[in-house]
All heavy atoms as atom14 arrays in JSON, in Angstrom:
{
  "sequence": "TVRAAYAQPRLRGLFPLVGHGVVYFSGCTGMPAAHVG",
  "atom14_mask": [
    [1, 1, 1, 1, 1, 1, 1, 0, 0, 0, 0, 0, 0, 0],
    [1, 1, 1, 1, 1, 1, 1, 0, 0, 0, 0, 0, 0, 0],
    [1, 1, 1, 1, 1, 1, 1, 1, 1, 1, 1, 0, 0, 0],
    [1, 1, 1, 1, 1, 0, 0, 0, 0, 0, 0, 0, 0, 0],
    [1, 1, 1, 1, 1, 0, 0, 0, 0, 0, 0, 0, 0, 0],
    [1, 1, 1, 1, 1, 1, 1, 1, 1, 1, 1, 1, 0, 0],
    [1, 1, 1, 1, 1, 0, 0, 0, 0, 0, 0, 0, 0, 0],
    [1, 1, 1, 1, 1, 1, 1, 1, 1, 0, 0, 0, 0, 0],
    [1, 1, 1, 1, 1, 1, 1, 0, 0, 0, 0, 0, 0, 0],
    [1, 1, 1, 1, 1, 1, 1, 1, 1, 1, 1, 0, 0, 0],
    [1, 1, 1, 1, 1, 1, 1, 1, 0, 0, 0, 0, 0, 0],
    [1, 1, 1, 1, 1, 1, 1, 1, 1, 1, 1, 0, 0, 0],
    [1, 1, 1, 1, 0, 0, 0, 0, 0, 0, 0, 0, 0, 0],
    [1, 1, 1, 1, 1, 1, 1, 1, 0, 0, 0, 0, 0, 0],
    [1, 1, 1, 1, 1, 1, 1, 1, 1, 1, 1, 0, 0, 0],
    [1, 1, 1, 1, 1, 1, 1, 0, 0, 0, 0, 0, 0, 0],
    [1, 1, 1, 1, 1, 1, 1, 1, 0, 0, 0, 0, 0, 0],
    [1, 1, 1, 1, 1, 1, 1, 0, 0, 0, 0, 0, 0, 0],
    [1, 1, 1, 1, 0, 0, 0, 0, 0, 0, 0, 0, 0, 0],
    [1, 1, 1, 1, 1, 1, 1, 1, 1, 1, 0, 0, 0, 0],
    [1, 1, 1, 1, 0, 0, 0, 0, 0, 0, 0, 0, 0, 0],
    [1, 1, 1, 1, 1, 1, 1, 0, 0, 0, 0, 0, 0, 0],
    [1, 1, 1, 1, 1, 1, 1, 0, 0, 0, 0, 0, 0, 0],
    [1, 1, 1, 1, 1, 1, 1, 1, 1, 1, 1, 1, 0, 0],
    [1, 1, 1, 1, 1, 1, 1, 1, 1, 1, 1, 0, 0, 0],
    [1, 1, 1, 1, 1, 1, 0, 0, 0, 0, 0, 0, 0, 0],
    [1, 1, 1, 1, 0, 0, 0, 0, 0, 0, 0, 0, 0, 0],
    [1, 1, 1, 1, 1, 1, 0, 0, 0, 0, 0, 0, 0, 0],
    [1, 1, 1, 1, 1, 1, 1, 0, 0, 0, 0, 0, 0, 0],
    [1, 1, 1, 1, 0, 0, 0, 0, 0, 0, 0, 0, 0, 0],
    [1, 1, 1, 1, 1, 1, 1, 1, 0, 0, 0, 0, 0, 0],
    [1, 1, 1, 1, 1, 1, 1, 0, 0, 0, 0, 0, 0, 0],
    [1, 1, 1, 1, 1, 0, 0, 0, 0, 0, 0, 0, 0, 0],
    [1, 1, 1, 1, 1, 0, 0, 0, 0, 0, 0, 0, 0, 0],
    [1, 1, 1, 1, 1, 1, 1, 1, 1, 1, 0, 0, 0, 0],
    [1, 1, 1, 1, 1, 1, 1, 0, 0, 0, 0, 0, 0, 0],
    [1, 1, 1, 1, 0, 0, 0, 0, 0, 0, 0, 0, 0, 0]
  ],
  "atom14_positions": [
    [[67.95, -13.61, 37.31], [69.29, -13.27, 37.81], [69.84, -11.96, 37.15], [70.42, -11.1, 37.88], [70.25, -14.47, 37.58], [69.69, -15.6, 38.2], [71.63, -14.22, 38.06], [0.0, 0.0, 0.0], [0.0, 0.0, 0.0], [0.0, 0.0, 0.0], [0.0, 0.0, 0.0], [0.0, 0.0, 0.0], [0.0, 0.0, 0.0], [0.0, 0.0, 0.0]],
    [[69.65, -11.92, 35.85], [70.14, -10.7, 35.19], [69.45, -9.5, 35.66], [69.98, -8.46, 35.86], [69.92, -10.97, 33.66], [70.43, -9.7, 32.92], [70.73, -12.12, 33.18], [0.0, 0.0, 0.0], [0.0, 0.0, 0.0], [0.0, 0.0, 0.0], [0.0, 0.0, 0.0], [0.0, 0.0, 0.0], [0.0, 0.0, 0.0], [0.0, 0.0, 0.0]],
    [[68.06, -9.63, 35.8], [67.25, -8.42, 36.32], [67.8, -7.96, 37.66], [67.93, -6.75, 37.97], [65.86, -8.72, 36.34], [65.14, -8.71, 35.03], [63.58, -8.66, 35.13], [63.08, -9.8, 35.84], [62.78, -11.01, 35.37], [63.0, -11.25, 33.99], [62.3, -12.01, 36.1], [0.0, 0.0, 0.0], [0.0, 0.0, 0.0], [0.0, 0.0, 0.0]],
    [[68.08, -8.86, 38.62], [68.61, -8.58, 39.92], [69.95, -7.89, 39.82], [70.16, -6.89, 40.57], [68.68, -9.82, 40.77], [0.0, 0.0, 0.0], [0.0, 0.0, 0.0], [0.0, 0.0, 0.0], [0.0, 0.0, 0.0], [0.0, 0.0, 0.0], [0.0, 0.0, 0.0], [0.0, 0.0, 0.0], [0.0, 0.0, 0.0], [0.0, 0.0, 0.0]],
    [[70.83, -8.25, 39.01], [72.11, -7.62, 38.75], [71.88, -6.23, 38.18], [72.48, -5.23, 38.67], [72.94, -8.43, 37.84], [0.0, 0.0, 0.0], [0.0, 0.0, 0.0], [0.0, 0.0, 0.0], [0.0, 0.0, 0.0], [0.0, 0.0, 0.0], [0.0, 0.0, 0.0], [0.0, 0.0, 0.0], [0.0, 0.0, 0.0], [0.0, 0.0, 0.0]],
    [[71.06, -6.12, 37.28], [70.84, -4.84, 36.52], [70.17, -3.81, 37.47], [70.38, -2.54, 37.31], [69.92, -5.03, 35.27], [69.78, -3.86, 34.46], [70.76, -3.5, 33.58], [68.66, -3.16, 34.46], [70.61, -2.37, 32.75], [68.45, -2.01, 33.54], [69.48, -1.65, 32.74], [69.29, -0.55, 31.95], [0.0, 0.0, 0.0], [0.0, 0.0, 0.0]],
    [[69.51, -4.24, 38.43], [68.84, -3.27, 39.42], [69.91, -2.55, 40.21], [69.51, -1.49, 40.83], [67.96, -4.07, 40.36], [0.0, 0.0, 0.0], [0.0, 0.0, 0.0], [0.0, 0.0, 0.0], [0.0, 0.0, 0.0], [0.0, 0.0, 0.0], [0.0, 0.0, 0.0], [0.0, 0.0, 0.0], [0.0, 0.0, 0.0], [0.0, 0.0, 0.0]],
    [[71.11, -2.98, 40.26], [72.19, -2.3, 41.02], [72.86, -1.28, 40.09], [73.52, -1.62, 39.22], [73.26, -3.35, 41.58], [72.72, -4.3, 42.62], [72.37, -3.55, 43.92], [73.08, -2.58, 44.27], [71.24, -3.9, 44.5], [0.0, 0.0, 0.0], [0.0, 0.0, 0.0], [0.0, 0.0, 0.0], [0.0, 0.0, 0.0], [0.0, 0.0, 0.0]],
    [[72.65, 0.06, 40.37], [73.22, 1.04, 39.52], [74.74, 0.93, 39.18], [75.14, 1.12, 38.02], [72.88, 2.33, 40.2], [71.69, 2.05, 41.06], [71.86, 0.62, 41.55], [0.0, 0.0, 0.0], [0.0, 0.0, 0.0], [0.0, 0.0, 0.0], [0.0, 0.0, 0.0], [0.0, 0.0, 0.0], [0.0, 0.0, 0.0], [0.0, 0.0, 0.0]],
    [[75.55, 0.58, 40.19], [76.99, 0.52, 39.94], [77.35, -0.69, 39.05], [78.22, -0.64, 38.25], [77.73, 0.38, 41.24], [77.74, 1.8, 41.9], [78.77, 1.93, 43.0], [80.22, 1.87, 42.46], [81.2, 1.57, 43.22], [81.08, 1.27, 44.47], [82.4, 1.53, 42.67], [0.0, 0.0, 0.0], [0.0, 0.0, 0.0], [0.0, 0.0, 0.0]],
    [[76.54, -1.76, 39.18], [76.75, -2.96, 38.35], [76.34, -2.69, 36.91], [76.96, -3.26, 35.99], [76.06, -4.17, 38.91], [76.52, -4.63, 40.37], [75.79, -5.82, 40.78], [78.07, -4.84, 40.35], [0.0, 0.0, 0.0], [0.0, 0.0, 0.0], [0.0, 0.0, 0.0], [0.0, 0.0, 0.0], [0.0, 0.0, 0.0], [0.0, 0.0, 0.0]],
    [[75.34, -1.9, 36.77], [74.67, -1.59, 35.49], [75.71, -0.96, 34.57], [75.68, -1.06, 33.28], [73.5, -0.75, 35.63], [72.6, -0.66, 34.42], [71.35, 0.14, 34.7], [70.71, -0.1, 35.97], [70.22, 0.73, 36.85], [70.3, 2.06, 36.57], [69.54, 0.35, 37.95], [0.0, 0.0, 0.0], [0.0, 0.0, 0.0], [0.0, 0.0, 0.0]],
    [[76.75, -0.22, 35.05], [77.76, 0.41, 34.28], [78.89, -0.48, 33.86], [79.69, -0.15, 33.1], [0.0, 0.0, 0.0], [0.0, 0.0, 0.0], [0.0, 0.0, 0.0], [0.0, 0.0, 0.0], [0.0, 0.0, 0.0], [0.0, 0.0, 0.0], [0.0, 0.0, 0.0], [0.0, 0.0, 0.0], [0.0, 0.0, 0.0], [0.0, 0.0, 0.0]],
    [[78.97, -1.61, 34.47], [79.94, -2.68, 34.16], [79.54, -3.58, 33.07], [78.41, -3.66, 32.82], [80.34, -3.39, 35.4], [80.88, -2.59, 36.55], [81.06, -3.43, 37.85], [82.24, -1.95, 36.16], [0.0, 0.0, 0.0], [0.0, 0.0, 0.0], [0.0, 0.0, 0.0], [0.0, 0.0, 0.0], [0.0, 0.0, 0.0], [0.0, 0.0, 0.0]],
    [[80.46, -4.24, 32.44], [80.22, -5.22, 31.31], [79.83, -6.5, 31.99], [80.63, -7.07, 32.68], [81.38, -5.36, 30.32], [80.97, -6.04, 29.09], [80.42, -5.33, 27.98], [81.26, -7.38, 28.91], [80.11, -5.86, 26.85], [80.87, -7.97, 27.81], [80.28, -7.25, 26.68], [0.0, 0.0, 0.0], [0.0, 0.0, 0.0], [0.0, 0.0, 0.0]],
    [[78.57, -7.04, 31.79], [78.22, -8.27, 32.41], [78.66, -9.52, 31.58], [78.62, -9.48, 30.39], [76.65, -8.21, 32.25], [76.46, -7.4, 31.14], [77.5, -6.46, 30.97], [0.0, 0.0, 0.0], [0.0, 0.0, 0.0], [0.0, 0.0, 0.0], [0.0, 0.0, 0.0], [0.0, 0.0, 0.0], [0.0, 0.0, 0.0], [0.0, 0.0, 0.0]],
    [[79.09, -10.47, 32.32], [79.61, -11.66, 31.74], [78.85, -12.82, 32.37], [78.49, -12.71, 33.6], [81.12, -11.8, 31.9], [81.97, -10.77, 31.27], [83.33, -10.81, 31.87], [82.02, -10.93, 29.79], [0.0, 0.0, 0.0], [0.0, 0.0, 0.0], [0.0, 0.0, 0.0], [0.0, 0.0, 0.0], [0.0, 0.0, 0.0], [0.0, 0.0, 0.0]],
    [[78.6, -13.83, 31.67], [77.95, -15.08, 32.29], [78.53, -16.36, 31.93], [79.14, -16.5, 30.84], [76.42, -15.09, 31.89], [75.67, -13.85, 32.36], [76.26, -15.31, 30.44], [0.0, 0.0, 0.0], [0.0, 0.0, 0.0], [0.0, 0.0, 0.0], [0.0, 0.0, 0.0], [0.0, 0.0, 0.0], [0.0, 0.0, 0.0], [0.0, 0.0, 0.0]],
    [[78.43, -17.29, 32.69], [78.94, -18.62, 32.34], [78.26, -19.65, 33.42], [78.44, -19.44, 34.58], [0.0, 0.0, 0.0], [0.0, 0.0, 0.0], [0.0, 0.0, 0.0], [0.0, 0.0, 0.0], [0.0, 0.0, 0.0], [0.0, 0.0, 0.0], [0.0, 0.0, 0.0], [0.0, 0.0, 0.0], [0.0, 0.0, 0.0], [0.0, 0.0, 0.0]],
    [[77.63, -20.66, 32.92], [77.12, -21.72, 33.72], [76.3, -21.24, 34.98], [76.59, -21.75, 36.04], [78.25, -22.65, 34.15], [79.04, -23.14, 32.98], [78.58, -24.12, 31.99], [80.28, -22.74, 32.46], [79.39, -24.22, 31.09], [80.44, -23.52, 31.32], [0.0, 0.0, 0.0], [0.0, 0.0, 0.0], [0.0, 0.0, 0.0], [0.0, 0.0, 0.0]],
    [[75.45, -20.35, 34.73], [74.48, -19.81, 35.83], [75.24, -18.84, 36.72], [74.65, -18.31, 37.71], [0.0, 0.0, 0.0], [0.0, 0.0, 0.0], [0.0, 0.0, 0.0], [0.0, 0.0, 0.0], [0.0, 0.0, 0.0], [0.0, 0.0, 0.0], [0.0, 0.0, 0.0], [0.0, 0.0, 0.0], [0.0, 0.0, 0.0], [0.0, 0.0, 0.0]],
    [[76.43, -18.35, 36.42], [77.16, -17.41, 37.26], [77.23, -16.08, 36.44], [77.53, -16.0, 35.32], [78.48, -17.91, 37.52], [79.35, -16.83, 38.29], [78.49, -19.21, 38.28], [0.0, 0.0, 0.0], [0.0, 0.0, 0.0], [0.0, 0.0, 0.0], [0.0, 0.0, 0.0], [0.0, 0.0, 0.0], [0.0, 0.0, 0.0], [0.0, 0.0, 0.0]],
    [[76.99, -15.0, 37.14], [77.08, -13.62, 36.62], [78.3, -12.96, 37.23], [78.48, -13.12, 38.49], [75.84, -12.77, 36.91], [76.11, -11.36, 36.39], [74.56, -13.29, 36.31], [0.0, 0.0, 0.0], [0.0, 0.0, 0.0], [0.0, 0.0, 0.0], [0.0, 0.0, 0.0], [0.0, 0.0, 0.0], [0.0, 0.0, 0.0], [0.0, 0.0, 0.0]],
    [[79.12, -12.48, 36.41], [80.25, -11.69, 36.91], [80.45, -10.38, 36.06], [79.74, -10.23, 35.11], [81.55, -12.57, 37.03], [81.86, -13.36, 35.78], [82.86, -12.99, 34.97], [81.16, -14.51, 35.43], [83.27, -13.71, 33.8], [81.55, -15.18, 34.31], [82.59, -14.78, 33.53], [82.9, -15.58, 32.44], [0.0, 0.0, 0.0], [0.0, 0.0, 0.0]],
    [[81.4, -9.61, 36.39], [81.47, -8.25, 35.75], [82.89, -7.91, 35.42], [83.86, -8.28, 36.04], [80.93, -7.21, 36.81], [79.56, -7.56, 37.25], [79.44, -8.32, 38.35], [78.52, -7.17, 36.53], [78.1, -8.73, 38.83], [77.16, -7.54, 36.89], [77.03, -8.3, 37.99], [0.0, 0.0, 0.0], [0.0, 0.0, 0.0], [0.0, 0.0, 0.0]],
    [[82.97, -7.1, 34.27], [84.29, -6.67, 33.88], [84.27, -5.08, 33.81], [83.28, -4.47, 33.44], [84.6, -7.16, 32.44], [85.82, -6.67, 31.96], [0.0, 0.0, 0.0], [0.0, 0.0, 0.0], [0.0, 0.0, 0.0], [0.0, 0.0, 0.0], [0.0, 0.0, 0.0], [0.0, 0.0, 0.0], [0.0, 0.0, 0.0], [0.0, 0.0, 0.0]],
    [[85.38, -4.52, 34.1], [85.65, -3.07, 34.04], [85.94, -2.6, 32.57], [86.25, -1.41, 32.48], [0.0, 0.0, 0.0], [0.0, 0.0, 0.0], [0.0, 0.0, 0.0], [0.0, 0.0, 0.0], [0.0, 0.0, 0.0], [0.0, 0.0, 0.0], [0.0, 0.0, 0.0], [0.0, 0.0, 0.0], [0.0, 0.0, 0.0], [0.0, 0.0, 0.0]],
    [[85.93, -3.57, 31.62], [86.19, -3.25, 30.23], [85.31, -4.1, 29.35], [84.64, -5.03, 29.73], [87.68, -3.43, 29.93], [88.15, -5.16, 30.13], [0.0, 0.0, 0.0], [0.0, 0.0, 0.0], [0.0, 0.0, 0.0], [0.0, 0.0, 0.0], [0.0, 0.0, 0.0], [0.0, 0.0, 0.0], [0.0, 0.0, 0.0], [0.0, 0.0, 0.0]],
    [[85.15, -3.57, 28.12], [84.26, -4.27, 27.12], [84.95, -5.37, 26.4], [84.21, -6.13, 25.7], [83.7, -3.23, 26.17], [84.8, -2.61, 25.41], [82.97, -2.19, 26.89], [0.0, 0.0, 0.0], [0.0, 0.0, 0.0], [0.0, 0.0, 0.0], [0.0, 0.0, 0.0], [0.0, 0.0, 0.0], [0.0, 0.0, 0.0], [0.0, 0.0, 0.0]],
    [[86.19, -5.48, 26.38], [86.91, -6.43, 25.53], [87.64, -7.52, 26.43], [87.4, -7.63, 27.62], [0.0, 0.0, 0.0], [0.0, 0.0, 0.0], [0.0, 0.0, 0.0], [0.0, 0.0, 0.0], [0.0, 0.0, 0.0], [0.0, 0.0, 0.0], [0.0, 0.0, 0.0], [0.0, 0.0, 0.0], [0.0, 0.0, 0.0], [0.0, 0.0, 0.0]],
    [[88.47, -8.3, 25.69], [89.18, -9.31, 26.3], [90.76, -8.97, 26.25], [91.15, -8.31, 25.3], [88.97, -10.67, 25.57], [87.56, -11.19, 25.72], [87.29, -11.56, 27.49], [85.5, -11.59, 27.56], [0.0, 0.0, 0.0], [0.0, 0.0, 0.0], [0.0, 0.0, 0.0], [0.0, 0.0, 0.0], [0.0, 0.0, 0.0], [0.0, 0.0, 0.0]],
    [[91.45, -9.26, 27.23], [91.02, -10.05, 28.47], [90.12, -9.2, 29.31], [90.35, -7.97, 29.33], [92.26, -10.41, 29.18], [93.33, -9.39, 28.73], [92.88, -8.94, 27.34], [0.0, 0.0, 0.0], [0.0, 0.0, 0.0], [0.0, 0.0, 0.0], [0.0, 0.0, 0.0], [0.0, 0.0, 0.0], [0.0, 0.0, 0.0], [0.0, 0.0, 0.0]],
    [[89.22, -9.79, 30.04], [88.33, -9.15, 30.88], [89.06, -8.64, 32.09], [90.1, -9.21, 32.48], [87.13, -10.05, 31.38], [0.0, 0.0, 0.0], [0.0, 0.0, 0.0], [0.0, 0.0, 0.0], [0.0, 0.0, 0.0], [0.0, 0.0, 0.0], [0.0, 0.0, 0.0], [0.0, 0.0, 0.0], [0.0, 0.0, 0.0], [0.0, 0.0, 0.0]],
    [[88.63, -7.54, 32.74], [89.08, -6.99, 33.94], [88.1, -7.3, 35.03], [87.17, -6.53, 35.22], [89.38, -5.55, 33.84], [0.0, 0.0, 0.0], [0.0, 0.0, 0.0], [0.0, 0.0, 0.0], [0.0, 0.0, 0.0], [0.0, 0.0, 0.0], [0.0, 0.0, 0.0], [0.0, 0.0, 0.0], [0.0, 0.0, 0.0], [0.0, 0.0, 0.0]],
    [[88.14, -8.45, 35.61], [87.13, -8.91, 36.62], [87.12, -7.96, 37.8], [88.17, -7.64, 38.46], [87.49, -10.3, 37.09], [87.39, -11.35, 35.94], [86.21, -11.99, 35.71], [88.28, -11.73, 35.1], [86.39, -12.82, 34.72], [87.64, -12.71, 34.33], [0.0, 0.0, 0.0], [0.0, 0.0, 0.0], [0.0, 0.0, 0.0], [0.0, 0.0, 0.0]],
    [[85.95, -7.5, 38.1], [85.71, -6.63, 39.3], [84.5, -7.12, 40.08], [83.67, -7.79, 39.47], [85.56, -5.09, 38.85], [86.85, -4.54, 38.23], [84.38, -4.94, 37.94], [0.0, 0.0, 0.0], [0.0, 0.0, 0.0], [0.0, 0.0, 0.0], [0.0, 0.0, 0.0], [0.0, 0.0, 0.0], [0.0, 0.0, 0.0], [0.0, 0.0, 0.0]],
    [[84.48, -6.66, 41.34], [83.29, -6.99, 42.14], [83.32, -8.47, 42.54], [84.32, -8.93, 43.1], [0.0, 0.0, 0.0], [0.0, 0.0, 0.0], [0.0, 0.0, 0.0], [0.0, 0.0, 0.0], [0.0, 0.0, 0.0], [0.0, 0.0, 0.0], [0.0, 0.0, 0.0], [0.0, 0.0, 0.0], [0.0, 0.0, 0.0], [0.0, 0.0, 0.0]]
  ]
}
């Protein structure tokens, strides 16, 4: 799942977050997260 996400260049620049088998993305590196996509 992580490899498939990383294969997308625009997603690769975002901060990846995971939880319970779900991948999501943040536009920032800290908290609170800025959920995007």
